[in-house]
Amino acid sequence: MFSSAAIFKVTLALELRQHLGIGLSEWIRLSNIDEMANRVAGGNWMWAVARGVENDKPFKLYTFATYRDSDWVFDMQLGDENKTPLFGRDVPYLVIPTYRIYEKVYVECKKLLGITTGEGV
């Protein structure tokens, strides 16, 4: 059985490929997104996003990414996609609604398990 974390990583890779044409090989640091998100959120970010779904109060976590010196550089922030990433706004960068992607995974996992609203986290 897969965990929602594993499903999230695959879903994120598929979303990036579908919408931006970015292949998984270019996102070799994909596993670090989960680690970084936990640091930004002060703990288990997936649990916080799931709680947001259950309470109808989104836990907004965004990933910012740019390509510099042949490598992807990431930043994550809570709250607003309009914040300035650590690498600044003077370079082209991506804004990934990380929490929205996990929300979809969480809701679909609940459906697969036959769990109705309010029976989650």
Protein backbone atom coordinates (compact mmCIF):
# COMPACT_ATOMS: atom_id res chain seq x y z
CA MET A 1 0.00 0.00 0.00
CA PHE A 2 1.28 3.50 -0.84
CA SER A 3 1.40 6.37 1.59
CA SER A 4 -0.15 9.72 0.77
CA ALA A 5 3.40 11.15 0.88
CA ALA A 6 4.56 8.78 -1.88
CA ILE A 7 1.43 9.51 -3.91
CA PHE A 8 2.04 13.25 -3.46
CA LYS A 9 5.59 12.99 -4.86
CA VAL A 10 4.36 11.13 -7.93
CA THR A 11 1.44 13.55 -8.36
CA LEU A 12 3.78 16.54 -8.08
CA ALA A 13 6.08 15.09 -10.72
CA LEU A 14 3.12 14.43 -13.04
CA GLU A 15 1.72 17.94 -12.52
CA LEU A 16 5.09 19.53 -13.29
CA ARG A 17 5.45 17.42 -16.41
CA GLN A 18 1.91 18.11 -17.62
CA HIS A 19 1.82 21.86 -16.98
CA LEU A 20 5.46 22.87 -17.37
CA GLY A 21 7.10 20.12 -19.40
CA ILE A 22 9.60 19.43 -16.61
CA GLY A 23 10.73 15.83 -16.47
CA LEU A 24 11.39 13.88 -13.29
CA SER A 25 15.09 13.66 -14.12
CA GLU A 26 15.25 17.46 -13.88
CA TRP A 27 13.61 17.31 -10.46
CA ILE A 28 16.13 14.97 -8.91
CA ARG A 29 15.80 16.90 -5.65
CA LEU A 30 12.07 16.18 -5.57
CA SER A 31 12.41 14.21 -2.32
CA ASN A 32 13.89 17.30 -0.65
CA ILE A 33 10.63 19.23 -1.15
CA ASP A 34 8.99 17.18 1.62
CA GLU A 35 11.93 17.79 3.96
CA MET A 36 11.98 21.51 3.22
CA ALA A 37 8.22 21.80 3.66
CA ASN A 38 8.42 20.25 7.13
CA ARG A 39 11.05 22.81 8.14
CA VAL A 40 8.96 25.71 6.82
CA ALA A 41 5.76 24.43 8.43
CA GLY A 42 7.42 23.61 11.74
CA GLY A 43 6.57 19.92 11.56
CA ASN A 44 4.43 17.61 9.49
CA TRP A 45 3.20 19.86 6.69
CA MET A 46 1.02 17.16 5.15
CA TRP A 47 -0.85 16.78 8.42
CA ALA A 48 -1.31 20.58 8.52
CA VAL A 49 -2.68 20.61 4.96
CA ALA A 50 -5.03 17.71 5.78
CA ARG A 51 -6.26 19.57 8.89
CA GLY A 52 -6.88 22.58 6.67
CA VAL A 53 -9.04 20.45 4.38
CA GLU A 54 -11.01 19.07 7.32
CA ASN A 55 -11.48 22.54 8.91
CA ASP A 56 -12.03 24.39 5.61
CA LYS A 57 -9.02 26.59 6.47
CA PRO A 58 -6.33 25.98 3.83
CA PHE A 59 -2.75 25.65 5.06
CA LYS A 60 -1.19 27.54 2.17
CA LEU A 61 2.32 26.35 1.40
CA TYR A 62 4.00 27.45 -1.83
CA THR A 63 7.20 26.23 -3.43
CA PHE A 64 9.25 28.68 -5.48
CA ALA A 65 11.85 27.32 -7.90
CA THR A 66 14.40 28.73 -10.30
CA TYR A 67 17.20 27.18 -12.32
CA ARG A 68 20.65 28.57 -11.49
CA ASP A 69 24.14 27.27 -12.21
CA SER A 70 22.83 24.02 -13.74
CA ASP A 71 20.74 23.18 -10.68
CA TRP A 72 17.27 23.83 -9.28
CA VAL A 73 17.08 26.24 -6.36
CA PHE A 74 14.01 26.02 -4.11
CA ASP A 75 12.34 28.22 -1.54
CA MET A 76 9.11 27.57 0.35
CA GLN A 77 6.85 29.98 2.13
CA LEU A 78 3.58 29.91 3.97
CA GLY A 79 0.60 32.05 3.20
CA ASP A 80 0.81 33.89 -0.08
CA GLU A 81 2.09 33.12 -3.56
CA ASN A 82 2.94 36.80 -4.00
CA LYS A 83 5.75 36.71 -1.44
CA THR A 84 9.28 37.26 -2.70
CA PRO A 85 11.35 34.08 -2.83
CA LEU A 86 14.78 34.06 -1.18
CA PHE A 87 16.45 34.21 -4.60
CA GLY A 88 14.50 37.40 -5.44
CA ARG A 89 12.10 38.43 -8.17
CA ASP A 90 14.78 39.51 -10.66
CA VAL A 91 15.02 36.04 -12.20
CA PRO A 92 12.35 33.89 -13.82
CA TYR A 93 10.90 31.44 -11.33
CA LEU A 94 8.05 29.00 -10.84
CA VAL A 95 5.38 29.21 -8.16
CA ILE A 96 4.03 25.77 -7.25
CA PRO A 97 0.86 25.61 -5.13
CA THR A 98 2.24 22.70 -3.11
CA TYR A 99 -0.64 22.64 -0.65
CA ARG A 100 -3.25 22.45 -3.44
CA ILE A 101 -1.54 19.45 -4.99
CA TYR A 102 -1.45 17.65 -1.63
CA GLU A 103 -5.07 18.62 -0.89
CA LYS A 104 -6.13 16.76 -4.05
CA VAL A 105 -4.08 13.71 -3.02
CA TYR A 106 -5.54 13.76 0.51
CA VAL A 107 -9.15 14.02 -0.69
CA GLU A 108 -8.66 11.27 -3.29
CA CYS A 109 -7.00 8.97 -0.72
CA LYS A 110 -9.98 9.49 1.60
CA LYS A 111 -12.35 8.56 -1.23
CA LEU A 112 -10.36 5.40 -2.01
CA LEU A 113 -10.55 4.41 1.66
CA GLY A 114 -14.27 5.18 1.83
CA ILE A 115 -13.78 7.92 4.41
CA THR A 116 -16.30 10.73 4.37
CA THR A 117 -15.76 14.37 5.36
CA GLY A 118 -14.86 14.85 8.99
CA GLU A 119 -13.41 11.36 9.38
CA GLY A 120 -9.88 12.27 8.29
CA VAL A 121 -7.12 13.67 10.42
